[in-house]
PDB file of all heavy atoms in Angstrom:
ATOM      1  N   GLU A   1       3.892  20.680   6.253  1.00  0.00           N
ATOM      2  CA  GLU A   1       4.076  19.199   6.430  1.00  0.00           C
ATOM      3  C   GLU A   1       2.777  18.571   6.970  1.00  0.00           C
ATOM      4  O   GLU A   1       2.102  19.162   7.879  1.00  0.00           O
ATOM      5  CB  GLU A   1       5.220  18.935   7.374  1.00  0.00           C
ATOM      6  CG  GLU A   1       6.562  19.290   6.860  1.00  0.00           C
ATOM      7  CD  GLU A   1       7.673  18.835   7.732  1.00  0.00           C
ATOM      8  OE1 GLU A   1       7.960  17.604   7.784  1.00  0.00           O
ATOM      9  OE2 GLU A   1       8.281  19.677   8.461  1.00  0.00           O
ATOM     10  N   THR A   2       2.439  17.420   6.418  1.00  0.00           N
ATOM     11  CA  THR A   2       1.245  16.737   6.846  1.00  0.00           C
ATOM     12  C   THR A   2       1.610  15.296   7.259  1.00  0.00           C
ATOM     13  O   THR A   2       2.699  14.812   6.928  1.00  0.00           O
ATOM     14  CB  THR A   2       0.154  16.664   5.729  1.00  0.00           C
ATOM     15  OG1 THR A   2       0.683  16.006   4.628  1.00  0.00           O
ATOM     16  CG2 THR A   2      -0.287  18.128   5.400  1.00  0.00           C
ATOM     17  N   GLU A   3       0.689  14.692   7.869  1.00  0.00           N
ATOM     18  CA  GLU A   3       0.792  13.224   8.224  1.00  0.00           C
ATOM     19  C   GLU A   3      -0.525  12.550   8.100  1.00  0.00           C
ATOM     20  O   GLU A   3      -1.564  13.148   7.973  1.00  0.00           O
ATOM     21  CB  GLU A   3       1.282  13.137   9.688  1.00  0.00           C
ATOM     22  CG  GLU A   3       0.348  13.706  10.709  1.00  0.00           C
ATOM     23  CD  GLU A   3       0.896  13.606  12.175  1.00  0.00           C
ATOM     24  OE1 GLU A   3       1.949  12.947  12.354  1.00  0.00           O
ATOM     25  OE2 GLU A   3       0.210  14.121  13.027  1.00  0.00           O
ATOM     26  N   SER A   4      -0.509  11.237   8.165  1.00  0.00           N
ATOM     27  CA  SER A   4      -1.790  10.461   8.068  1.00  0.00           C
ATOM     28  C   SER A   4      -2.486  10.573   9.437  1.00  0.00           C
ATOM     29  O   SER A   4      -2.008  11.107  10.405  1.00  0.00           O
ATOM     30  CB  SER A   4      -1.475   8.989   7.733  1.00  0.00           C
ATOM     31  OG  SER A   4      -0.626   8.406   8.747  1.00  0.00           O
ATOM     32  N   CYS A   5      -3.639   9.947   9.466  1.00  0.00           N
ATOM     33  CA  CYS A   5      -4.478  10.082  10.667  1.00  0.00           C
ATOM     34  C   CYS A   5      -4.036   9.009  11.695  1.00  0.00           C
ATOM     35  O   CYS A   5      -4.690   7.933  11.833  1.00  0.00           O
ATOM     36  CB  CYS A   5      -5.925   9.804  10.321  1.00  0.00           C
ATOM     37  SG  CYS A   5      -6.590  11.046   9.114  1.00  0.00           S
ATOM     38  N   VAL A   6      -2.920   9.331  12.349  1.00  0.00           N
ATOM     39  CA  VAL A   6      -2.321   8.372  13.308  1.00  0.00           C
ATOM     40  C   VAL A   6      -3.169   8.158  14.537  1.00  0.00           C
ATOM     41  O   VAL A   6      -3.046   7.148  15.218  1.00  0.00           O
ATOM     42  CB  VAL A   6      -0.916   8.821  13.736  1.00  0.00           C
ATOM     43  CG1 VAL A   6       0.029   8.774  12.513  1.00  0.00           C
ATOM     44  CG2 VAL A   6      -0.902  10.249  14.253  1.00  0.00           C
ATOM     45  N   ASP A   7      -4.072   9.123  14.831  1.00  0.00           N
ATOM     46  CA  ASP A   7      -4.937   8.935  16.035  1.00  0.00           C
ATOM     47  C   ASP A   7      -6.382   8.517  15.669  1.00  0.00           C
ATOM     48  O   ASP A   7      -7.317   8.617  16.475  1.00  0.00           O
ATOM     49  CB  ASP A   7      -5.014  10.280  16.787  1.00  0.00           C
ATOM     50  CG  ASP A   7      -3.677  10.625  17.405  1.00  0.00           C
ATOM     51  OD1 ASP A   7      -3.127   9.821  18.153  1.00  0.00           O
ATOM     52  OD2 ASP A   7      -3.148  11.767  17.093  1.00  0.00           O
ATOM     53  N   GLY A   8      -6.495   8.053  14.377  1.00  0.00           N
ATOM     54  CA  GLY A   8      -7.830   7.599  13.966  1.00  0.00           C
ATOM     55  C   GLY A   8      -8.661   8.696  13.326  1.00  0.00           C
ATOM     56  O   GLY A   8      -8.126   9.760  12.974  1.00  0.00           O
ATOM     57  N   TRP A   9      -9.986   8.488  13.299  1.00  0.00           N
ATOM     58  CA  TRP A   9     -10.872   9.417  12.578  1.00  0.00           C
ATOM     59  C   TRP A   9     -12.024   9.779  13.462  1.00  0.00           C
ATOM     60  O   TRP A   9     -12.423   9.067  14.419  1.00  0.00           O
ATOM     61  CB  TRP A   9     -11.462   8.780  11.320  1.00  0.00           C
ATOM     62  CG  TRP A   9     -10.414   8.666  10.218  1.00  0.00           C
ATOM     63  CD1 TRP A   9     -10.269   9.483   9.142  1.00  0.00           C
ATOM     64  CD2 TRP A   9      -9.474   7.637   9.984  1.00  0.00           C
ATOM     65  NE1 TRP A   9      -9.257   9.043   8.321  1.00  0.00           N
ATOM     66  CE2 TRP A   9      -8.741   7.887   8.852  1.00  0.00           C
ATOM     67  CE3 TRP A   9      -9.141   6.484  10.770  1.00  0.00           C
ATOM     68  CZ2 TRP A   9      -7.663   7.072   8.407  1.00  0.00           C
ATOM     69  CZ3 TRP A   9      -8.130   5.643  10.287  1.00  0.00           C
ATOM     70  CH2 TRP A   9      -7.438   5.983   9.079  1.00  0.00           C
ATOM     71  N   THR A  10     -12.507  10.929  13.258  1.00  0.00           N
ATOM     72  CA  THR A  10     -13.740  11.469  13.886  1.00  0.00           C
ATOM     73  C   THR A  10     -14.872  11.451  12.896  1.00  0.00           C
ATOM     74  O   THR A  10     -14.705  12.087  11.804  1.00  0.00           O
ATOM     75  CB  THR A  10     -13.522  12.854  14.478  1.00  0.00           C
ATOM     76  OG1 THR A  10     -12.509  12.826  15.477  1.00  0.00           O
ATOM     77  CG2 THR A  10     -14.797  13.380  15.148  1.00  0.00           C
ATOM     78  N   TYR A  11     -15.974  10.843  13.235  1.00  0.00           N
ATOM     79  CA  TYR A  11     -17.116  10.725  12.304  1.00  0.00           C
ATOM     80  C   TYR A  11     -18.293  11.554  12.718  1.00  0.00           C
ATOM     81  O   TYR A  11     -18.618  11.569  13.947  1.00  0.00           O
ATOM     82  CB  TYR A  11     -17.574   9.232  12.164  1.00  0.00           C
ATOM     83  CG  TYR A  11     -16.493   8.300  11.703  1.00  0.00           C
ATOM     84  CD1 TYR A  11     -15.599   7.628  12.555  1.00  0.00           C
ATOM     85  CD2 TYR A  11     -16.231   8.151  10.320  1.00  0.00           C
ATOM     86  CE1 TYR A  11     -14.583   6.822  12.105  1.00  0.00           C
ATOM     87  CE2 TYR A  11     -15.287   7.227   9.838  1.00  0.00           C
ATOM     88  CZ  TYR A  11     -14.441   6.594  10.779  1.00  0.00           C
ATOM     89  OH  TYR A  11     -13.468   5.779  10.345  1.00  0.00           O
ATOM     90  N   LYS A  12     -18.943  12.184  11.747  1.00  0.00           N
ATOM     91  CA  LYS A  12     -20.220  12.880  12.092  1.00  0.00           C
ATOM     92  C   LYS A  12     -21.297  11.758  12.207  1.00  0.00           C
ATOM     93  O   LYS A  12     -21.351  10.902  11.380  1.00  0.00           O
ATOM     94  CB  LYS A  12     -20.548  13.857  10.916  1.00  0.00           C
ATOM     95  CG  LYS A  12     -19.713  15.174  11.022  1.00  0.00           C
ATOM     96  CD  LYS A  12     -20.272  16.170  10.022  1.00  0.00           C
ATOM     97  CE  LYS A  12     -19.576  17.503  10.238  1.00  0.00           C
ATOM     98  NZ  LYS A  12     -19.842  18.138  11.577  1.00  0.00           N
ATOM     99  N   ARG A  13     -22.199  11.965  13.129  1.00  0.00           N
ATOM    100  CA  ARG A  13     -23.230  10.954  13.377  1.00  0.00           C
ATOM    101  C   ARG A  13     -24.580  11.536  13.114  1.00  0.00           C
ATOM    102  O   ARG A  13     -25.565  11.330  13.844  1.00  0.00           O
ATOM    103  CB  ARG A  13     -23.156  10.459  14.837  1.00  0.00           C
ATOM    104  CG  ARG A  13     -21.749   9.853  15.113  1.00  0.00           C
ATOM    105  CD  ARG A  13     -21.681   9.206  16.482  1.00  0.00           C
ATOM    106  NE  ARG A  13     -20.300   8.728  16.769  1.00  0.00           N
ATOM    107  CZ  ARG A  13     -19.838   7.542  16.338  1.00  0.00           C
ATOM    108  NH1 ARG A  13     -20.640   6.812  15.623  1.00  0.00           N
ATOM    109  NH2 ARG A  13     -18.559   7.197  16.629  1.00  0.00           N
ATOM    110  N   THR A  14     -24.719  12.322  12.020  1.00  0.00           N
ATOM    111  CA  THR A  14     -25.946  12.813  11.604  1.00  0.00           C
ATOM    112  C   THR A  14     -26.686  11.930  10.646  1.00  0.00           C
ATOM    113  O   THR A  14     -27.842  11.468  10.845  1.00  0.00           O
ATOM    114  CB  THR A  14     -25.794  14.247  10.983  1.00  0.00           C
ATOM    115  OG1 THR A  14     -24.825  14.170   9.955  1.00  0.00           O
ATOM    116  CG2 THR A  14     -25.345  15.240  12.034  1.00  0.00           C
ATOM    117  N   GLU A  15     -26.026  11.562   9.513  1.00  0.00           N
ATOM    118  CA  GLU A  15     -26.664  10.688   8.507  1.00  0.00           C
ATOM    119  C   GLU A  15     -26.654   9.264   9.020  1.00  0.00           C
ATOM    120  O   GLU A  15     -27.626   8.499   8.769  1.00  0.00           O
ATOM    121  CB  GLU A  15     -25.911  10.798   7.211  1.00  0.00           C
ATOM    122  CG  GLU A  15     -26.622  10.103   6.033  1.00  0.00           C
ATOM    123  CD  GLU A  15     -25.934  10.378   4.712  1.00  0.00           C
ATOM    124  OE1 GLU A  15     -24.717  10.645   4.699  1.00  0.00           O
ATOM    125  OE2 GLU A  15     -26.588  10.248   3.701  1.00  0.00           O
ATOM    126  N   PHE A  16     -25.601   8.857   9.681  1.00  0.00           N
ATOM    127  CA  PHE A  16     -25.486   7.477  10.269  1.00  0.00           C
ATOM    128  C   PHE A  16     -25.007   7.581  11.679  1.00  0.00           C
ATOM    129  O   PHE A  16     -24.057   8.356  11.959  1.00  0.00           O
ATOM    130  CB  PHE A  16     -24.531   6.610   9.434  1.00  0.00           C
ATOM    131  CG  PHE A  16     -24.727   6.543   7.988  1.00  0.00           C
ATOM    132  CD1 PHE A  16     -23.984   7.274   7.090  1.00  0.00           C
ATOM    133  CD2 PHE A  16     -25.786   5.736   7.456  1.00  0.00           C
ATOM    134  CE1 PHE A  16     -24.206   7.185   5.730  1.00  0.00           C
ATOM    135  CE2 PHE A  16     -26.012   5.706   6.116  1.00  0.00           C
ATOM    136  CZ  PHE A  16     -25.247   6.392   5.229  1.00  0.00           C
ATOM    137  N   ILE A  17     -25.571   6.785  12.588  1.00  0.00           N
ATOM    138  CA  ILE A  17     -25.052   6.673  13.938  1.00  0.00           C
ATOM    139  C   ILE A  17     -23.832   5.820  13.960  1.00  0.00           C
ATOM    140  O   ILE A  17     -22.764   6.153  14.543  1.00  0.00           O
ATOM    141  CB  ILE A  17     -26.152   6.191  14.890  1.00  0.00           C
ATOM    142  CG1 ILE A  17     -27.288   7.199  14.974  1.00  0.00           C
ATOM    143  CG2 ILE A  17     -25.562   5.890  16.283  1.00  0.00           C
ATOM    144  CD1 ILE A  17     -28.407   6.757  15.888  1.00  0.00           C
ATOM    145  N   SER A  18     -23.955   4.656  13.272  1.00  0.00           N
ATOM    146  CA  SER A  18     -22.871   3.664  13.203  1.00  0.00           C
ATOM    147  C   SER A  18     -22.967   2.812  11.943  1.00  0.00           C
ATOM    148  O   SER A  18     -24.066   2.413  11.604  1.00  0.00           O
ATOM    149  CB  SER A  18     -22.872   2.798  14.496  1.00  0.00           C
ATOM    150  OG  SER A  18     -21.933   1.794  14.376  1.00  0.00           O
ATOM    151  N   THR A  19     -21.846   2.640  11.287  1.00  0.00           N
ATOM    152  CA  THR A  19     -21.803   1.748  10.146  1.00  0.00           C
ATOM    153  C   THR A  19     -20.519   0.874  10.321  1.00  0.00           C
ATOM    154  O   THR A  19     -19.694   1.116  11.183  1.00  0.00           O
ATOM    155  CB  THR A  19     -21.719   2.503   8.829  1.00  0.00           C
ATOM    156  OG1 THR A  19     -20.456   3.179   8.740  1.00  0.00           O
ATOM    157  CG2 THR A  19     -22.790   3.515   8.735  1.00  0.00           C
ATOM    158  N   ILE A  20     -20.376  -0.129   9.432  1.00  0.00           N
ATOM    159  CA  ILE A  20     -19.154  -0.916   9.518  1.00  0.00           C
ATOM    160  C   ILE A  20     -17.963  -0.081   9.193  1.00  0.00           C
ATOM    161  O   ILE A  20     -16.836  -0.380   9.549  1.00  0.00           O
ATOM    162  CB  ILE A  20     -19.198  -2.181   8.685  1.00  0.00           C
ATOM    163  CG1 ILE A  20     -19.321  -1.795   7.176  1.00  0.00           C
ATOM    164  CG2 ILE A  20     -20.396  -3.057   9.034  1.00  0.00           C
ATOM    165  CD1 ILE A  20     -19.176  -3.009   6.210  1.00  0.00           C
ATOM    166  N   VAL A  21     -18.139   1.028   8.441  1.00  0.00           N
ATOM    167  CA  VAL A  21     -17.049   1.927   8.050  1.00  0.00           C
ATOM    168  C   VAL A  21     -16.532   2.640   9.269  1.00  0.00           C
ATOM    169  O   VAL A  21     -15.286   2.667   9.526  1.00  0.00           O
ATOM    170  CB  VAL A  21     -17.525   2.914   6.991  1.00  0.00           C
ATOM    171  CG1 VAL A  21     -16.469   4.001   6.747  1.00  0.00           C
ATOM    172  CG2 VAL A  21     -17.832   2.124   5.651  1.00  0.00           C
ATOM    173  N   SER A  22     -17.430   3.187  10.057  1.00  0.00           N
ATOM    174  CA  SER A  22     -17.045   3.881  11.291  1.00  0.00           C
ATOM    175  C   SER A  22     -16.559   2.933  12.432  1.00  0.00           C
ATOM    176  O   SER A  22     -15.769   3.245  13.256  1.00  0.00           O
ATOM    177  CB  SER A  22     -18.126   4.758  11.786  1.00  0.00           C
ATOM    178  OG  SER A  22     -19.280   4.039  12.110  1.00  0.00           O
ATOM    179  N   GLU A  23     -17.147   1.686  12.388  1.00  0.00           N
ATOM    180  CA  GLU A  23     -16.873   0.687  13.370  1.00  0.00           C
ATOM    181  C   GLU A  23     -15.383   0.215  13.257  1.00  0.00           C
ATOM    182  O   GLU A  23     -14.649   0.076  14.205  1.00  0.00           O
ATOM    183  CB  GLU A  23     -17.797  -0.475  13.290  1.00  0.00           C
ATOM    184  CG  GLU A  23     -17.530  -1.580  14.228  1.00  0.00           C
ATOM    185  CD  GLU A  23     -18.449  -1.461  15.458  1.00  0.00           C
ATOM    186  OE1 GLU A  23     -19.301  -0.625  15.522  1.00  0.00           O
ATOM    187  OE2 GLU A  23     -18.217  -2.253  16.432  1.00  0.00           O
ATOM    188  N   TRP A  24     -14.950   0.005  11.989  1.00  0.00           N
ATOM    189  CA  TRP A  24     -13.616  -0.573  11.787  1.00  0.00           C
ATOM    190  C   TRP A  24     -12.712   0.313  10.949  1.00  0.00           C
ATOM    191  O   TRP A  24     -11.763  -0.132  10.341  1.00  0.00           O
ATOM    192  CB  TRP A  24     -13.717  -1.986  11.141  1.00  0.00           C
ATOM    193  CG  TRP A  24     -14.431  -2.971  12.035  1.00  0.00           C
ATOM    194  CD1 TRP A  24     -14.035  -3.309  13.304  1.00  0.00           C
ATOM    195  CD2 TRP A  24     -15.618  -3.721  11.832  1.00  0.00           C
ATOM    196  NE1 TRP A  24     -14.898  -4.260  13.851  1.00  0.00           N
ATOM    197  CE2 TRP A  24     -15.882  -4.522  12.971  1.00  0.00           C
ATOM    198  CE3 TRP A  24     -16.519  -3.785  10.739  1.00  0.00           C
ATOM    199  CZ2 TRP A  24     -16.964  -5.347  13.077  1.00  0.00           C
ATOM    200  CZ3 TRP A  24     -17.601  -4.628  10.831  1.00  0.00           C
ATOM    201  CH2 TRP A  24     -17.813  -5.380  12.017  1.00  0.00           C
ATOM    202  N   ASP A  25     -13.090   1.582  10.874  1.00  0.00           N
ATOM    203  CA  ASP A  25     -12.291   2.584  10.129  1.00  0.00           C
ATOM    204  C   ASP A  25     -11.968   2.187   8.703  1.00  0.00           C
ATOM    205  O   ASP A  25     -10.785   2.169   8.292  1.00  0.00           O
ATOM    206  CB  ASP A  25     -11.007   2.887  10.905  1.00  0.00           C
ATOM    207  CG  ASP A  25     -11.264   3.710  12.153  1.00  0.00           C
ATOM    208  OD1 ASP A  25     -12.248   4.401  12.231  1.00  0.00           O
ATOM    209  OD2 ASP A  25     -10.462   3.544  13.159  1.00  0.00           O
ATOM    210  N   LEU A  26     -12.977   1.870   7.913  1.00  0.00           N
ATOM    211  CA  LEU A  26     -12.793   1.382   6.526  1.00  0.00           C
ATOM    212  C   LEU A  26     -12.726   2.601   5.645  1.00  0.00           C
ATOM    213  O   LEU A  26     -13.536   2.783   4.698  1.00  0.00           O
ATOM    214  CB  LEU A  26     -13.864   0.399   6.114  1.00  0.00           C
ATOM    215  CG  LEU A  26     -14.084  -0.798   6.981  1.00  0.00           C
ATOM    216  CD1 LEU A  26     -15.173  -1.699   6.420  1.00  0.00           C
ATOM    217  CD2 LEU A  26     -12.806  -1.573   7.176  1.00  0.00           C
ATOM    218  N   VAL A  27     -11.790   3.521   5.854  1.00  0.00           N
ATOM    219  CA  VAL A  27     -11.628   4.701   5.073  1.00  0.00           C
ATOM    220  C   VAL A  27     -10.161   4.858   4.637  1.00  0.00           C
ATOM    221  O   VAL A  27      -9.306   4.110   5.080  1.00  0.00           O
ATOM    222  CB  VAL A  27     -12.042   5.987   5.897  1.00  0.00           C
ATOM    223  CG1 VAL A  27     -13.576   5.995   6.181  1.00  0.00           C
ATOM    224  CG2 VAL A  27     -11.311   6.049   7.201  1.00  0.00           C
ATOM    225  N   CYS A  28     -10.003   5.789   3.773  1.00  0.00           N
ATOM    226  CA  CYS A  28      -8.675   6.066   3.225  1.00  0.00           C
ATOM    227  C   CYS A  28      -8.087   4.840   2.577  1.00  0.00           C
ATOM    228  O   CYS A  28      -8.712   4.233   1.720  1.00  0.00           O
ATOM    229  CB  CYS A  28      -7.739   6.686   4.280  1.00  0.00           C
ATOM    230  SG  CYS A  28      -8.396   8.270   4.878  1.00  0.00           S
ATOM    231  N   ARG A  29      -6.962   4.347   3.054  1.00  0.00           N
ATOM    232  CA  ARG A  29      -6.337   3.158   2.384  1.00  0.00           C
ATOM    233  C   ARG A  29      -7.160   1.904   2.616  1.00  0.00           C
ATOM    234  O   ARG A  29      -7.011   0.903   1.852  1.00  0.00           O
ATOM    235  CB  ARG A  29      -4.864   2.940   2.894  1.00  0.00           C
ATOM    236  CG  ARG A  29      -4.754   2.604   4.364  1.00  0.00           C
ATOM    237  CD  ARG A  29      -3.308   2.449   4.769  1.00  0.00           C
ATOM    238  NE  ARG A  29      -3.147   1.996   6.195  1.00  0.00           N
ATOM    239  CZ  ARG A  29      -3.220   0.785   6.603  1.00  0.00           C
ATOM    240  NH1 ARG A  29      -3.394  -0.199   5.658  1.00  0.00           N
ATOM    241  NH2 ARG A  29      -3.102   0.460   7.872  1.00  0.00           N
ATOM    242  N   LEU A  30      -8.000   1.847   3.599  1.00  0.00           N
ATOM    243  CA  LEU A  30      -8.866   0.704   3.864  1.00  0.00           C
ATOM    244  C   LEU A  30     -10.226   0.770   3.178  1.00  0.00           C
ATOM    245  O   LEU A  30     -11.112  -0.084   3.375  1.00  0.00           O
ATOM    246  CB  LEU A  30      -9.021   0.433   5.323  1.00  0.00           C
ATOM    247  CG  LEU A  30      -7.741   0.042   6.138  1.00  0.00           C
ATOM    248  CD1 LEU A  30      -8.142  -0.154   7.624  1.00  0.00           C
ATOM    249  CD2 LEU A  30      -7.108  -1.177   5.515  1.00  0.00           C
ATOM    250  N   ARG A  31     -10.465   1.835   2.473  1.00  0.00           N
ATOM    251  CA  ARG A  31     -11.755   2.083   1.837  1.00  0.00           C
ATOM    252  C   ARG A  31     -12.182   0.905   0.920  1.00  0.00           C
ATOM    253  O   ARG A  31     -13.398   0.616   0.810  1.00  0.00           O
ATOM    254  CB  ARG A  31     -11.727   3.411   1.110  1.00  0.00           C
ATOM    255  CG  ARG A  31     -13.126   3.778   0.528  1.00  0.00           C
ATOM    256  CD  ARG A  31     -13.264   5.164   0.059  1.00  0.00           C
ATOM    257  NE  ARG A  31     -14.558   5.420  -0.494  1.00  0.00           N
ATOM    258  CZ  ARG A  31     -14.987   6.618  -0.765  1.00  0.00           C
ATOM    259  NH1 ARG A  31     -14.187   7.725  -0.596  1.00  0.00           N
ATOM    260  NH2 ARG A  31     -16.198   6.854  -1.269  1.00  0.00           N
ATOM    261  N   PRO A  32     -11.273   0.271   0.108  1.00  0.00           N
ATOM    262  CA  PRO A  32     -11.705  -0.813  -0.711  1.00  0.00           C
ATOM    263  C   PRO A  32     -12.377  -1.913   0.036  1.00  0.00           C
ATOM    264  O   PRO A  32     -13.146  -2.705  -0.557  1.00  0.00           O
ATOM    265  CB  PRO A  32     -10.405  -1.279  -1.339  1.00  0.00           C
ATOM    266  CG  PRO A  32      -9.532  -0.067  -1.420  1.00  0.00           C
ATOM    267  CD  PRO A  32      -9.847   0.649  -0.121  1.00  0.00           C
ATOM    268  N   LEU A  33     -12.134  -2.083   1.363  1.00  0.00           N
ATOM    269  CA  LEU A  33     -12.769  -3.153   2.130  1.00  0.00           C
ATOM    270  C   LEU A  33     -14.289  -2.936   2.248  1.00  0.00           C
ATOM    271  O   LEU A  33     -15.051  -3.856   2.505  1.00  0.00           O
ATOM    272  CB  LEU A  33     -12.158  -3.227   3.537  1.00  0.00           C
ATOM    273  CG  LEU A  33     -10.681  -3.649   3.590  1.00  0.00           C
ATOM    274  CD1 LEU A  33     -10.232  -3.668   5.041  1.00  0.00           C
ATOM    275  CD2 LEU A  33     -10.489  -4.990   2.880  1.00  0.00           C
ATOM    276  N   LYS A  34     -14.725  -1.676   2.024  1.00  0.00           N
ATOM    277  CA  LYS A  34     -16.188  -1.391   2.079  1.00  0.00           C
ATOM    278  C   LYS A  34     -16.818  -2.158   0.927  1.00  0.00           C
ATOM    279  O   LYS A  34     -17.823  -2.874   1.082  1.00  0.00           O
ATOM    280  CB  LYS A  34     -16.418   0.074   1.931  1.00  0.00           C
ATOM    281  CG  LYS A  34     -17.885   0.486   1.713  1.00  0.00           C
ATOM    282  CD  LYS A  34     -17.989   1.980   1.373  1.00  0.00           C
ATOM    283  CE  LYS A  34     -19.433   2.347   1.042  1.00  0.00           C
ATOM    284  NZ  LYS A  34     -19.988   1.679  -0.134  1.00  0.00           N
ATOM    285  N   GLN A  35     -16.295  -1.964  -0.287  1.00  0.00           N
ATOM    286  CA  GLN A  35     -16.815  -2.670  -1.464  1.00  0.00           C
ATOM    287  C   GLN A  35     -16.596  -4.179  -1.344  1.00  0.00           C
ATOM    288  O   GLN A  35     -17.375  -5.020  -1.882  1.00  0.00           O
ATOM    289  CB  GLN A  35     -16.248  -2.083  -2.727  1.00  0.00           C
ATOM    290  CG  GLN A  35     -16.678  -0.673  -3.065  1.00  0.00           C
ATOM    291  CD  GLN A  35     -18.137  -0.493  -3.320  1.00  0.00           C
ATOM    292  OE1 GLN A  35     -18.854  -1.459  -3.468  1.00  0.00           O
ATOM    293  NE2 GLN A  35     -18.591   0.727  -3.313  1.00  0.00           N
ATOM    294  N   MET A  36     -15.456  -4.571  -0.758  1.00  0.00           N
ATOM    295  CA  MET A  36     -15.146  -5.932  -0.587  1.00  0.00           C
ATOM    296  C   MET A  36     -16.265  -6.663   0.182  1.00  0.00           C
ATOM    297  O   MET A  36     -16.562  -7.858  -0.186  1.00  0.00           O
ATOM    298  CB  MET A  36     -13.815  -6.096   0.058  1.00  0.00           C
ATOM    299  CG  MET A  36     -13.330  -7.567   0.253  1.00  0.00           C
ATOM    300  SD  MET A  36     -13.147  -8.450  -1.348  1.00  0.00           S
ATOM    301  CE  MET A  36     -11.693  -7.512  -1.989  1.00  0.00           C
TER     302      MET A  36
END
């Protein structure tokens, strides 16, 4: 059994220290907001 990321996400900070994706969790179901 699996579940979604209810506690948020952990980001690697090697390629980027901070982006709007990591700032506002624009991943998974919110990923289209990146292109938006």
